[in-house]
């Protein structure tokens, strides 16, 4: 067997071998190894102020303010200018993904909140809406329990939900909002919202004010109010649905309650209340939204005066 000879490897060859093996990263040439340019402290908007004036914190917005209260529909400049103009209250709405009978889509609560948060923020006059939190506690997934026994439901563990609410509030605080309001359109959201609001109130000592407004979630009062407007249920269909929730969804998007299909199939009713007269139910739906907005605005103002969540109101039925 021939003898094995080893040759001394130069430093250059050794370095190249290590690089090829992934054990060492090549050092750039002197020109390439220059340190990156320091970030301009005026930078905002996702880029460096030195690269483009639209990345600078004080650059005027080149476009007029949009007619929206939703953060996700605004540019960073829109939000900056809205806060500077006094819109320092932000509402964090929580919905859900759950089964709601054969007519209503699984995003029921999210459709309701899309209309209601908009109405509440505009009525307050100094508020914006954060994106709807659509993933909330709906039951266990192993084994499935609660709403998780039905396809299309998405659940979040209670700890996950509370952590998300905390991170959202901390983000909003960092941007200068002075009042953060949680509203939830589902029963399973209420305890977590209250716990997070109380915790952050203690941690931040009222700067900003953080409050859970449970008065928003009071379908019994909505039903009572709508009886005075001519909505008179005559039976119980036994579905996770009622006239008030259907009307609240209808005004946001009729497709969310399969309106046209139900009318065609002769199924446009709930709990004995006919939904076939589109003009009538449109008026009813607007009344539902106006009533819920006013109740919530009144409760928000009381929570702000209280510098935090008010004592829990009596528990009422809900959806």
C-alpha atoms as a PDB file:
ATOM      1  CA  UNK A   1       0.000   0.000   0.000  1.00  0.00           C
ATOM      2  CA  UNK A   2       1.508   3.322  -1.005  1.00  0.00           C
ATOM      3  CA  UNK A   3       2.557   5.618   1.763  1.00  0.00           C
ATOM      4  CA  UNK A   4       0.193   8.538   2.656  1.00  0.00           C
ATOM      5  CA  UNK A   5       1.802  11.922   2.626  1.00  0.00           C
ATOM      6  CA  UNK A   6       0.293  15.098   4.069  1.00  0.00           C
ATOM      7  CA  UNK A   7       1.282  18.496   2.915  1.00  0.00           C
ATOM      8  CA  UNK A   8       1.165  21.570   5.071  1.00  0.00           C
ATOM      9  CA  UNK A   9      -1.898  23.631   4.069  1.00  0.00           C
ATOM     10  CA  UNK A  10      -1.460  27.338   3.673  1.00  0.00           C
ATOM     11  CA  UNK A  11      -3.624  29.659   5.718  1.00  0.00           C
ATOM     12  CA  UNK A  12      -5.391  30.762   2.547  1.00  0.00           C
ATOM     13  CA  UNK A  13      -6.260  27.211   1.507  1.00  0.00           C
ATOM     14  CA  UNK A  14      -7.354  26.342   5.050  1.00  0.00           C
ATOM     15  CA  UNK A  15      -9.593  29.369   5.204  1.00  0.00           C
ATOM     16  CA  UNK A  16     -11.182  28.525   1.849  1.00  0.00           C
ATOM     17  CA  UNK A  17     -11.786  24.959   2.946  1.00  0.00           C
ATOM     18  CA  UNK A  18     -13.492  26.095   6.142  1.00  0.00           C
ATOM     19  CA  UNK A  19     -15.656  28.522   4.203  1.00  0.00           C
ATOM     20  CA  UNK A  20     -16.672  25.785   1.786  1.00  0.00           C
ATOM     21  CA  UNK A  21     -17.601  23.567   4.717  1.00  0.00           C
ATOM     22  CA  UNK A  22     -19.737  26.312   6.226  1.00  0.00           C
ATOM     23  CA  UNK A  23     -17.550  26.618   9.289  1.00  0.00           C
ATOM     24  CA  UNK A  24     -16.308  30.097   8.551  1.00  0.00           C
ATOM     25  CA  UNK A  25     -17.722  33.175   6.888  1.00  0.00           C
ATOM     26  CA  UNK A  26     -15.510  35.022   4.489  1.00  0.00           C
ATOM     27  CA  UNK A  27     -14.467  38.463   5.628  1.00  0.00           C
ATOM     28  CA  UNK A  28     -15.428  41.038   3.054  1.00  0.00           C
ATOM     29  CA  UNK A  29     -12.894  43.187   1.343  1.00  0.00           C
ATOM     30  CA  UNK A  30     -12.090  46.512   2.906  1.00  0.00           C
ATOM     31  CA  UNK A  31     -14.567  48.271   0.615  1.00  0.00           C
ATOM     32  CA  UNK A  32     -17.382  45.815   1.410  1.00  0.00           C
ATOM     33  CA  UNK A  33     -16.618  45.721   5.111  1.00  0.00           C
ATOM     34  CA  UNK A  34     -17.581  49.299   5.734  1.00  0.00           C
ATOM     35  CA  UNK A  35     -20.021  49.711   8.589  1.00  0.00           C
ATOM     36  CA  UNK A  36     -23.673  50.387   7.575  1.00  0.00           C
ATOM     37  CA  UNK A  37     -24.731  53.990   7.646  1.00  0.00           C
ATOM     38  CA  UNK A  38     -26.256  54.945  11.021  1.00  0.00           C
ATOM     39  CA  UNK A  39     -30.042  55.114  10.946  1.00  0.00           C
ATOM     40  CA  UNK A  40     -31.374  58.638  10.934  1.00  0.00           C
ATOM     41  CA  UNK A  41     -33.283  59.214  14.214  1.00  0.00           C
ATOM     42  CA  UNK A  42     -36.012  60.971  12.212  1.00  0.00           C
ATOM     43  CA  UNK A  43     -36.767  57.752  10.321  1.00  0.00           C
ATOM     44  CA  UNK A  44     -40.311  56.362  10.233  1.00  0.00           C
ATOM     45  CA  UNK A  45     -42.521  54.703   7.670  1.00  0.00           C
ATOM     46  CA  UNK A  46     -40.460  51.578   7.111  1.00  0.00           C
ATOM     47  CA  UNK A  47     -37.384  53.184   5.561  1.00  0.00           C
ATOM     48  CA  UNK A  48     -34.492  55.536   6.250  1.00  0.00           C
ATOM     49  CA  UNK A  49     -35.166  59.268   6.306  1.00  0.00           C
ATOM     50  CA  UNK A  50     -31.859  59.858   4.516  1.00  0.00           C
ATOM     51  CA  UNK A  51     -33.062  57.753   1.578  1.00  0.00           C
ATOM     52  CA  UNK A  52     -36.452  59.350   1.029  1.00  0.00           C
ATOM     53  CA  UNK A  53     -38.190  62.329   2.586  1.00  0.00           C
ATOM     54  CA  UNK A  54     -41.388  60.279   2.974  1.00  0.00           C
ATOM     55  CA  UNK A  55     -39.518  58.202   5.549  1.00  0.00           C
ATOM     56  CA  UNK A  56     -39.033  61.256   7.790  1.00  0.00           C
ATOM     57  CA  UNK A  57     -41.189  61.717  10.893  1.00  0.00           C
ATOM     58  CA  UNK A  58     -42.041  65.368  10.188  1.00  0.00           C
ATOM     59  CA  UNK A  59     -42.690  65.173   6.450  1.00  0.00           C
ATOM     60  CA  UNK A  60     -46.194  66.470   5.637  1.00  0.00           C
ATOM     61  CA  UNK A  61     -48.676  63.895   4.373  1.00  0.00           C
ATOM     62  CA  UNK A  62     -48.864  64.286   0.567  1.00  0.00           C
ATOM     63  CA  UNK A  63     -52.520  63.128   0.555  1.00  0.00           C
ATOM     64  CA  UNK A  64     -55.681  64.305   2.326  1.00  0.00           C
ATOM     65  CA  UNK A  65     -56.852  62.451   5.430  1.00  0.00           C
ATOM     66  CA  UNK A  66     -58.971  59.380   4.556  1.00  0.00           C
ATOM     67  CA  UNK A  67     -62.569  58.995   5.688  1.00  0.00           C
ATOM     68  CA  UNK A  68     -61.937  55.994   7.936  1.00  0.00           C
ATOM     69  CA  UNK A  69     -61.483  55.221  11.634  1.00  0.00           C
ATOM     70  CA  UNK A  70     -59.706  51.885  11.078  1.00  0.00           C
ATOM     71  CA  UNK A  71     -55.961  51.798  11.695  1.00  0.00           C
ATOM     72  CA  UNK A  72     -55.460  49.100   9.065  1.00  0.00           C
ATOM     73  CA  UNK A  73     -57.027  51.356   6.416  1.00  0.00           C
ATOM     74  CA  UNK A  74     -54.683  54.245   7.214  1.00  0.00           C
ATOM     75  CA  UNK A  75     -51.079  54.954   6.280  1.00  0.00           C
ATOM     76  CA  UNK A  76     -48.589  55.601   9.060  1.00  0.00           C
ATOM     77  CA  UNK A  77     -48.799  59.291   8.209  1.00  0.00           C
ATOM     78  CA  UNK A  78     -52.595  59.183   8.490  1.00  0.00           C
ATOM     79  CA  UNK A  79     -52.311  57.678  11.966  1.00  0.00           C
ATOM     80  CA  UNK A  80     -49.608  60.132  13.012  1.00  0.00           C
ATOM     81  CA  UNK A  81     -51.736  63.068  11.920  1.00  0.00           C
ATOM     82  CA  UNK A  82     -54.901  61.681  13.513  1.00  0.00           C
ATOM     83  CA  UNK A  83     -53.146  61.323  16.884  1.00  0.00           C
ATOM     84  CA  UNK A  84     -51.707  64.828  16.559  1.00  0.00           C
ATOM     85  CA  UNK A  85     -55.235  66.112  15.850  1.00  0.00           C
ATOM     86  CA  UNK A  86     -56.484  64.639  19.123  1.00  0.00           C
ATOM     87  CA  UNK A  87     -57.653  61.159  18.186  1.00  0.00           C
ATOM     88  CA  UNK A  88     -55.925  59.546  21.142  1.00  0.00           C
ATOM     89  CA  UNK A  89     -58.574  56.972  22.058  1.00  0.00           C
ATOM     90  CA  UNK A  90     -58.388  53.589  20.361  1.00  0.00           C
ATOM     91  CA  UNK A  91     -60.915  50.763  20.540  1.00  0.00           C
ATOM     92  CA  UNK A  92     -59.730  47.151  20.431  1.00  0.00           C
ATOM     93  CA  UNK A  93     -62.688  45.001  19.295  1.00  0.00           C
ATOM     94  CA  UNK A  94     -62.678  41.223  19.804  1.00  0.00           C
ATOM     95  CA  UNK A  95     -64.942  38.921  17.802  1.00  0.00           C
ATOM     96  CA  UNK A  96     -64.532  35.246  17.031  1.00  0.00           C
ATOM     97  CA  UNK A  97     -64.949  32.338  14.640  1.00  0.00           C
ATOM     98  CA  UNK A  98     -67.803  30.037  15.674  1.00  0.00           C
ATOM     99  CA  UNK A  99     -70.968  28.232  14.449  1.00  0.00           C
ATOM    100  CA  UNK A 100     -74.190  30.237  14.287  1.00  0.00           C
ATOM    101  CA  UNK A 101     -76.849  28.031  12.770  1.00  0.00           C
ATOM    102  CA  UNK A 102     -77.515  27.454   9.059  1.00  0.00           C
ATOM    103  CA  UNK A 103     -77.841  31.098   7.969  1.00  0.00           C
ATOM    104  CA  UNK A 104     -75.091  33.091   9.648  1.00  0.00           C
ATOM    105  CA  UNK A 105     -71.427  32.860   8.678  1.00  0.00           C
ATOM    106  CA  UNK A 106     -68.805  31.779  11.226  1.00  0.00           C
ATOM    107  CA  UNK A 107     -67.421  35.312  11.407  1.00  0.00           C
ATOM    108  CA  UNK A 108     -70.708  36.620  12.850  1.00  0.00           C
ATOM    109  CA  UNK A 109     -69.140  38.685  15.626  1.00  0.00           C
ATOM    110  CA  UNK A 110     -66.577  40.196  13.286  1.00  0.00           C
ATOM    111  CA  UNK A 111     -69.247  41.502  10.899  1.00  0.00           C
ATOM    112  CA  UNK A 112     -71.127  43.000  13.840  1.00  0.00           C
ATOM    113  CA  UNK A 113     -67.995  44.710  15.135  1.00  0.00           C
ATOM    114  CA  UNK A 114     -67.056  46.032  11.717  1.00  0.00           C
ATOM    115  CA  UNK A 115     -70.183  48.176  11.744  1.00  0.00           C
ATOM    116  CA  UNK A 116     -70.396  48.864  15.469  1.00  0.00           C
ATOM    117  CA  UNK A 117     -66.792  49.897  16.162  1.00  0.00           C
ATOM    118  CA  UNK A 118     -66.979  52.277  13.227  1.00  0.00           C
ATOM    119  CA  UNK A 119     -70.173  53.832  14.623  1.00  0.00           C
ATOM    120  CA  UNK A 120     -68.773  54.043  18.167  1.00  0.00           C
ATOM    121  CA  UNK A 121     -65.509  55.668  17.094  1.00  0.00           C
ATOM    122  CA  UNK A 122     -67.259  58.232  14.918  1.00  0.00           C
ATOM    123  CA  UNK A 123     -69.730  59.058  17.687  1.00  0.00           C
ATOM    124  CA  UNK A 124     -66.898  59.563  20.174  1.00  0.00           C
ATOM    125  CA  UNK A 125     -65.217  61.848  17.651  1.00  0.00           C
ATOM    126  CA  UNK A 126     -61.710  61.359  19.025  1.00  0.00           C
ATOM    127  CA  UNK A 127     -61.295  57.618  18.511  1.00  0.00           C
ATOM    128  CA  UNK A 128     -59.927  55.070  16.080  1.00  0.00           C
ATOM    129  CA  UNK A 129     -60.467  51.303  15.783  1.00  0.00           C
ATOM    130  CA  UNK A 130     -57.693  48.726  15.955  1.00  0.00           C
ATOM    131  CA  UNK A 131     -58.128  45.650  13.728  1.00  0.00           C
ATOM    132  CA  UNK A 132     -60.730  43.181  14.994  1.00  0.00           C
ATOM    133  CA  UNK A 133     -59.198  40.361  17.032  1.00  0.00           C
ATOM    134  CA  UNK A 134     -60.843  37.384  15.332  1.00  0.00           C
ATOM    135  CA  UNK A 135     -59.220  34.519  17.238  1.00  0.00           C
ATOM    136  CA  UNK A 136     -60.586  34.192  20.765  1.00  0.00           C
ATOM    137  CA  UNK A 137     -61.344  31.425  23.306  1.00  0.00           C
ATOM    138  CA  UNK A 138     -63.999  29.155  21.776  1.00  0.00           C
ATOM    139  CA  UNK A 139     -63.301  25.912  23.656  1.00  0.00           C
ATOM    140  CA  UNK A 140     -60.629  23.234  23.721  1.00  0.00           C
ATOM    141  CA  UNK A 141     -59.279  21.575  20.596  1.00  0.00           C
ATOM    142  CA  UNK A 142     -57.955  18.402  22.273  1.00  0.00           C
ATOM    143  CA  UNK A 143     -60.481  17.009  22.872  1.00  0.00           C
ATOM    144  CA  UNK A 144     -62.841  19.411  21.086  1.00  0.00           C
ATOM    145  CA  UNK A 145     -65.251  21.175  23.426  1.00  0.00           C
ATOM    146  CA  UNK A 146     -67.542  24.187  23.320  1.00  0.00           C
ATOM    147  CA  UNK A 147     -67.859  25.635  19.835  1.00  0.00           C
ATOM    148  CA  UNK A 148     -64.812  23.628  18.738  1.00  0.00           C
ATOM    149  CA  UNK A 149     -67.108  20.647  18.121  1.00  0.00           C
ATOM    150  CA  UNK A 150     -68.304  22.457  14.958  1.00  0.00           C
ATOM    151  CA  UNK A 151     -66.210  22.805  11.779  1.00  0.00           C
ATOM    152  CA  UNK A 152     -64.959  26.296  10.967  1.00  0.00           C
ATOM    153  CA  UNK A 153     -64.402  27.297  14.581  1.00  0.00           C
ATOM    154  CA  UNK A 154     -60.956  28.576  15.505  1.00  0.00           C
ATOM    155  CA  UNK A 155     -60.021  28.855  19.162  1.00  0.00           C
ATOM    156  CA  UNK A 156     -57.250  30.531  21.110  1.00  0.00           C
ATOM    157  CA  UNK A 157     -56.136  29.439  24.535  1.00  0.00           C
ATOM    158  CA  UNK A 158     -57.047  31.898  27.262  1.00  0.00           C
ATOM    159  CA  UNK A 159     -53.384  32.661  27.939  1.00  0.00           C
ATOM    160  CA  UNK A 160     -52.748  33.266  24.247  1.00  0.00           C
ATOM    161  CA  UNK A 161     -55.740  35.588  24.031  1.00  0.00           C
ATOM    162  CA  UNK A 162     -54.665  37.618  27.037  1.00  0.00           C
ATOM    163  CA  UNK A 163     -51.075  37.831  25.810  1.00  0.00           C
ATOM    164  CA  UNK A 164     -52.290  39.126  22.449  1.00  0.00           C
ATOM    165  CA  UNK A 165     -54.487  41.776  24.082  1.00  0.00           C
ATOM    166  CA  UNK A 166     -51.519  42.842  26.209  1.00  0.00           C
ATOM    167  CA  UNK A 167     -49.200  43.142  23.214  1.00  0.00           C
ATOM    168  CA  UNK A 168     -51.781  45.122  21.246  1.00  0.00           C
ATOM    169  CA  UNK A 169     -52.225  47.574  24.119  1.00  0.00           C
ATOM    170  CA  UNK A 170     -48.464  47.925  24.598  1.00  0.00           C
ATOM    171  CA  UNK A 171     -48.066  48.703  20.892  1.00  0.00           C
ATOM    172  CA  UNK A 172     -50.782  51.350  21.012  1.00  0.00           C
ATOM    173  CA  UNK A 173     -49.279  52.869  24.153  1.00  0.00           C
ATOM    174  CA  UNK A 174     -45.911  53.176  22.400  1.00  0.00           C
ATOM    175  CA  UNK A 175     -47.523  55.265  19.665  1.00  0.00           C
ATOM    176  CA  UNK A 176     -49.062  57.767  22.044  1.00  0.00           C
ATOM    177  CA  UNK A 177     -52.671  56.685  22.493  1.00  0.00           C
ATOM    178  CA  UNK A 178     -53.979  57.873  25.856  1.00  0.00           C
ATOM    179  CA  UNK A 179     -57.083  55.680  26.173  1.00  0.00           C
ATOM    180  CA  UNK A 180     -57.347  52.027  25.134  1.00  0.00           C
ATOM    181  CA  UNK A 181     -60.796  50.419  25.203  1.00  0.00           C
ATOM    182  CA  UNK A 182     -61.571  46.704  24.871  1.00  0.00           C
ATOM    183  CA  UNK A 183     -65.019  45.691  23.607  1.00  0.00           C
ATOM    184  CA  UNK A 184     -66.016  42.106  22.862  1.00  0.00           C
ATOM    185  CA  UNK A 185     -69.015  40.796  20.965  1.00  0.00           C
ATOM    186  CA  UNK A 186     -68.837  37.289  22.447  1.00  0.00           C
ATOM    187  CA  UNK A 187     -69.307  35.993  25.980  1.00  0.00           C
ATOM    188  CA  UNK A 188     -66.034  34.074  26.069  1.00  0.00           C
ATOM    189  CA  UNK A 189     -64.045  37.267  25.475  1.00  0.00           C
ATOM    190  CA  UNK A 190     -65.240  39.235  28.482  1.00  0.00           C
ATOM    191  CA  UNK A 191     -63.211  37.771  31.368  1.00  0.00           C
ATOM    192  CA  UNK A 192     -59.912  37.971  29.493  1.00  0.00           C
ATOM    193  CA  UNK A 193     -60.491  41.556  28.442  1.00  0.00           C
ATOM    194  CA  UNK A 194     -61.366  42.604  31.984  1.00  0.00           C
ATOM    195  CA  UNK A 195     -58.325  40.828  33.441  1.00  0.00           C
ATOM    196  CA  UNK A 196     -55.919  42.409  30.962  1.00  0.00           C
ATOM    197  CA  UNK A 197     -57.421  45.880  31.390  1.00  0.00           C
ATOM    198  CA  UNK A 198     -57.195  45.643  35.181  1.00  0.00           C
ATOM    199  CA  UNK A 199     -53.637  44.345  35.005  1.00  0.00           C
ATOM    200  CA  UNK A 200     -52.447  47.108  32.672  1.00  0.00           C
ATOM    201  CA  UNK A 201     -54.230  49.753  34.727  1.00  0.00           C
ATOM    202  CA  UNK A 202     -52.179  48.670  37.734  1.00  0.00           C
ATOM    203  CA  UNK A 203     -48.966  48.397  35.719  1.00  0.00           C
ATOM    204  CA  UNK A 204     -49.250  51.706  33.865  1.00  0.00           C
ATOM    205  CA  UNK A 205     -51.056  53.621  36.626  1.00  0.00           C
ATOM    206  CA  UNK A 206     -53.570  55.163  34.265  1.00  0.00           C
ATOM    207  CA  UNK A 207     -51.164  56.381  31.612  1.00  0.00           C
ATOM    208  CA  UNK A 208     -52.688  55.341  29.302  1.00  0.00           C
ATOM    209  CA  UNK A 209     -56.148  54.526  30.650  1.00  0.00           C
ATOM    210  CA  UNK A 210     -57.054  50.939  29.770  1.00  0.00           C
ATOM    211  CA  UNK A 211     -60.646  49.796  30.224  1.00  0.00           C
ATOM    212  CA  UNK A 212     -62.858  46.860  29.388  1.00  0.00           C
ATOM    213  CA  UNK A 213     -66.345  48.107  28.495  1.00  0.00           C
ATOM    214  CA  UNK A 214     -68.659  45.179  29.145  1.00  0.00           C
ATOM    215  CA  UNK A 215     -71.739  47.359  28.651  1.00  0.00           C
ATOM    216  CA  UNK A 216     -71.171  46.923  24.918  1.00  0.00           C
ATOM    217  CA  UNK A 217     -72.032  43.234  25.244  1.00  0.00           C
ATOM    218  CA  UNK A 218     -75.661  43.456  26.343  1.00  0.00           C
ATOM    219  CA  UNK A 219     -77.967  41.850  23.809  1.00  0.00           C
ATOM    220  CA  UNK A 220     -80.834  41.716  26.304  1.00  0.00           C
ATOM    221  CA  UNK A 221     -80.986  45.523  26.365  1.00  0.00           C
ATOM    222  CA  UNK A 222     -80.784  45.620  22.579  1.00  0.00           C
ATOM    223  CA  UNK A 223     -83.717  43.194  22.305  1.00  0.00           C
ATOM    224  CA  UNK A 224     -85.767  45.238  24.764  1.00  0.00           C
ATOM    225  CA  UNK A 225     -85.032  48.441  22.858  1.00  0.00           C
ATOM    226  CA  UNK A 226     -85.962  46.873  19.533  1.00  0.00           C
ATOM    227  CA  UNK A 227     -89.291  45.657  20.892  1.00  0.00           C
ATOM    228  CA  UNK A 228     -90.207  49.335  21.197  1.00  0.00           C
ATOM    229  CA  UNK A 229     -89.370  49.683  17.494  1.00  0.00           C
ATOM    230  CA  UNK A 230     -91.664  46.854  16.388  1.00  0.00           C
ATOM    231  CA  UNK A 231     -89.408  43.789  16.577  1.00  0.00           C
ATOM    232  CA  UNK A 232     -91.557  41.191  18.356  1.00  0.00           C
ATOM    233  CA  UNK A 233     -90.228  37.608  18.411  1.00  0.00           C
ATOM    234  CA  UNK A 234     -93.085  35.105  18.673  1.00  0.00           C
ATOM    235  CA  UNK A 235     -91.140  31.853  19.030  1.00  0.00           C
ATOM    236  CA  UNK A 236     -87.664  30.495  19.672  1.00  0.00           C
ATOM    237  CA  UNK A 237     -85.985  28.719  16.773  1.00  0.00           C
ATOM    238  CA  UNK A 238     -83.364  27.290  19.128  1.00  0.00           C
ATOM    239  CA  UNK A 239     -80.492  28.583  16.983  1.00  0.00           C
ATOM    240  CA  UNK A 240     -77.381  30.524  17.944  1.00  0.00           C
ATOM    241  CA  UNK A 241     -79.055  33.518  16.352  1.00  0.00           C
ATOM    242  CA  UNK A 242     -81.751  36.122  17.019  1.00  0.00           C
ATOM    243  CA  UNK A 243     -83.321  39.106  15.209  1.00  0.00           C
ATOM    244  CA  UNK A 244     -80.953  41.675  16.725  1.00  0.00           C
ATOM    245  CA  UNK A 245     -77.756  39.859  15.755  1.00  0.00           C
ATOM    246  CA  UNK A 246     -79.085  39.129  12.252  1.00  0.00           C
ATOM    247  CA  UNK A 247     -80.027  42.770  11.762  1.00  0.00           C
ATOM    248  CA  UNK A 248     -76.639  43.929  13.049  1.00  0.00           C
ATOM    249  CA  UNK A 249     -74.901  41.656  10.534  1.00  0.00           C
ATOM    250  CA  UNK A 250     -77.278  42.545   7.701  1.00  0.00           C
ATOM    251  CA  UNK A 251     -76.412  46.240   7.807  1.00  0.00           C
ATOM    252  CA  UNK A 252     -72.719  45.394   7.456  1.00  0.00           C
ATOM    253  CA  UNK A 253     -73.106  42.807   4.684  1.00  0.00           C
ATOM    254  CA  UNK A 254     -76.400  41.083   3.725  1.00  0.00           C
ATOM    255  CA  UNK A 255     -74.391  38.141   2.413  1.00  0.00           C
ATOM    256  CA  UNK A 256     -73.226  37.387   5.944  1.00  0.00           C
ATOM    257  CA  UNK A 257     -76.756  36.179   6.780  1.00  0.00           C
ATOM    258  CA  UNK A 258     -77.334  34.681   3.308  1.00  0.00           C
ATOM    259  CA  UNK A 259     -80.097  37.218   2.840  1.00  0.00           C
ATOM    260  CA  UNK A 260     -80.914  36.841  -0.862  1.00  0.00           C
ATOM    261  CA  UNK A 261     -80.718  33.051  -0.731  1.00  0.00           C
ATOM    262  CA  UNK A 262     -83.017  32.926   2.308  1.00  0.00           C
ATOM    263  CA  UNK A 263     -85.615  35.191   0.731  1.00  0.00           C
ATOM    264  CA  UNK A 264     -85.616  33.017  -2.385  1.00  0.00           C
ATOM    265  CA  UNK A 265     -85.919  29.844  -0.302  1.00  0.00           C
ATOM    266  CA  UNK A 266     -88.634  31.269   1.956  1.00  0.00           C
ATOM    267  CA  UNK A 267     -86.330  31.121   5.009  1.00  0.00           C
ATOM    268  CA  UNK A 268     -85.899  34.840   5.742  1.00  0.00           C
ATOM    269  CA  UNK A 269     -87.118  34.855   9.318  1.00  0.00           C
ATOM    270  CA  UNK A 270     -85.712  34.252  12.787  1.00  0.00           C
ATOM    271  CA  UNK A 271     -87.647  33.550  15.984  1.00  0.00           C
ATOM    272  CA  UNK A 272     -90.872  34.471  14.231  1.00  0.00           C
ATOM    273  CA  UNK A 273     -89.578  37.837  12.977  1.00  0.00           C
ATOM    274  CA  UNK A 274     -89.797  38.208   9.210  1.00  0.00           C
ATOM    275  CA  UNK A 275     -86.787  39.703   7.434  1.00  0.00           C
ATOM    276  CA  UNK A 276     -88.340  39.818   3.975  1.00  0.00           C
ATOM    277  CA  UNK A 277     -89.182  43.549   3.946  1.00  0.00           C
ATOM    278  CA  UNK A 278     -85.777  44.948   3.084  1.00  0.00           C
ATOM    279  CA  UNK A 279     -86.730  48.578   3.683  1.00  0.00           C
ATOM    280  CA  UNK A 280     -88.129  47.799   7.137  1.00  0.00           C
ATOM    281  CA  UNK A 281     -85.214  45.669   8.286  1.00  0.00           C
ATOM    282  CA  UNK A 282     -82.713  48.240   7.016  1.00  0.00           C
ATOM    283  CA  UNK A 283     -84.345  50.799   9.298  1.00  0.00           C
ATOM    284  CA  UNK A 284     -84.344  48.289  12.159  1.00  0.00           C
ATOM    285  CA  UNK A 285     -80.696  47.447  11.551  1.00  0.00           C
ATOM    286  CA  UNK A 286     -79.659  51.096  11.659  1.00  0.00           C
ATOM    287  CA  UNK A 287     -81.551  51.428  14.940  1.00  0.00           C
ATOM    288  CA  UNK A 288     -79.670  48.450  16.420  1.00  0.00           C
ATOM    289  CA  UNK A 289     -76.316  50.017  15.531  1.00  0.00           C
ATOM    290  CA  UNK A 290     -77.293  53.483  16.770  1.00  0.00           C
ATOM    291  CA  UNK A 291     -78.545  52.104  20.085  1.00  0.00           C
ATOM    292  CA  UNK A 292     -75.476  49.962  20.704  1.00  0.00           C
ATOM    293  CA  UNK A 293     -73.152  52.833  19.750  1.00  0.00           C
ATOM    294  CA  UNK A 294     -74.842  55.233  22.166  1.00  0.00           C
ATOM    295  CA  UNK A 295     -74.799  52.753  25.051  1.00  0.00           C
ATOM    296  CA  UNK A 296     -71.131  52.034  24.452  1.00  0.00           C
ATOM    297  CA  UNK A 297     -70.095  55.673  24.084  1.00  0.00           C
ATOM    298  CA  UNK A 298     -71.828  56.494  27.386  1.00  0.00           C
ATOM    299  CA  UNK A 299     -70.036  53.587  29.072  1.00  0.00           C
ATOM    300  CA  UNK A 300     -66.656  54.560  27.574  1.00  0.00           C
ATOM    301  CA  UNK A 301     -67.005  58.091  28.898  1.00  0.00           C
ATOM    302  CA  UNK A 302     -67.822  56.728  32.362  1.00  0.00           C
ATOM    303  CA  UNK A 303     -64.814  54.381  32.226  1.00  0.00           C
ATOM    304  CA  UNK A 304     -62.543  57.270  31.245  1.00  0.00           C
ATOM    305  CA  UNK A 305     -63.853  59.327  34.153  1.00  0.00           C
ATOM    306  CA  UNK A 306     -63.231  56.299  36.377  1.00  0.00           C
ATOM    307  CA  UNK A 307     -59.708  55.944  34.882  1.00  0.00           C
ATOM    308  CA  UNK A 308     -60.348  52.267  34.245  1.00  0.00           C
ATOM    309  CA  UNK A 309     -62.903  49.496  34.008  1.00  0.00           C
ATOM    310  CA  UNK A 310     -66.149  50.037  35.862  1.00  0.00           C
ATOM    311  CA  UNK A 311     -67.519  47.374  38.239  1.00  0.00           C
ATOM    312  CA  UNK A 312     -68.946  44.431  36.322  1.00  0.00           C
ATOM    313  CA  UNK A 313     -72.592  44.899  35.329  1.00  0.00           C
ATOM    314  CA  UNK A 314     -75.101  42.049  35.821  1.00  0.00           C
ATOM    315  CA  UNK A 315     -74.560  39.185  33.353  1.00  0.00           C
ATOM    316  CA  UNK A 316     -77.209  39.051  30.619  1.00  0.00           C
ATOM    317  CA  UNK A 317     -77.863  36.634  27.800  1.00  0.00           C
ATOM    318  CA  UNK A 318     -75.726  36.997  24.736  1.00  0.00           C
ATOM    319  CA  UNK A 319     -74.497  35.530  21.514  1.00  0.00           C
END
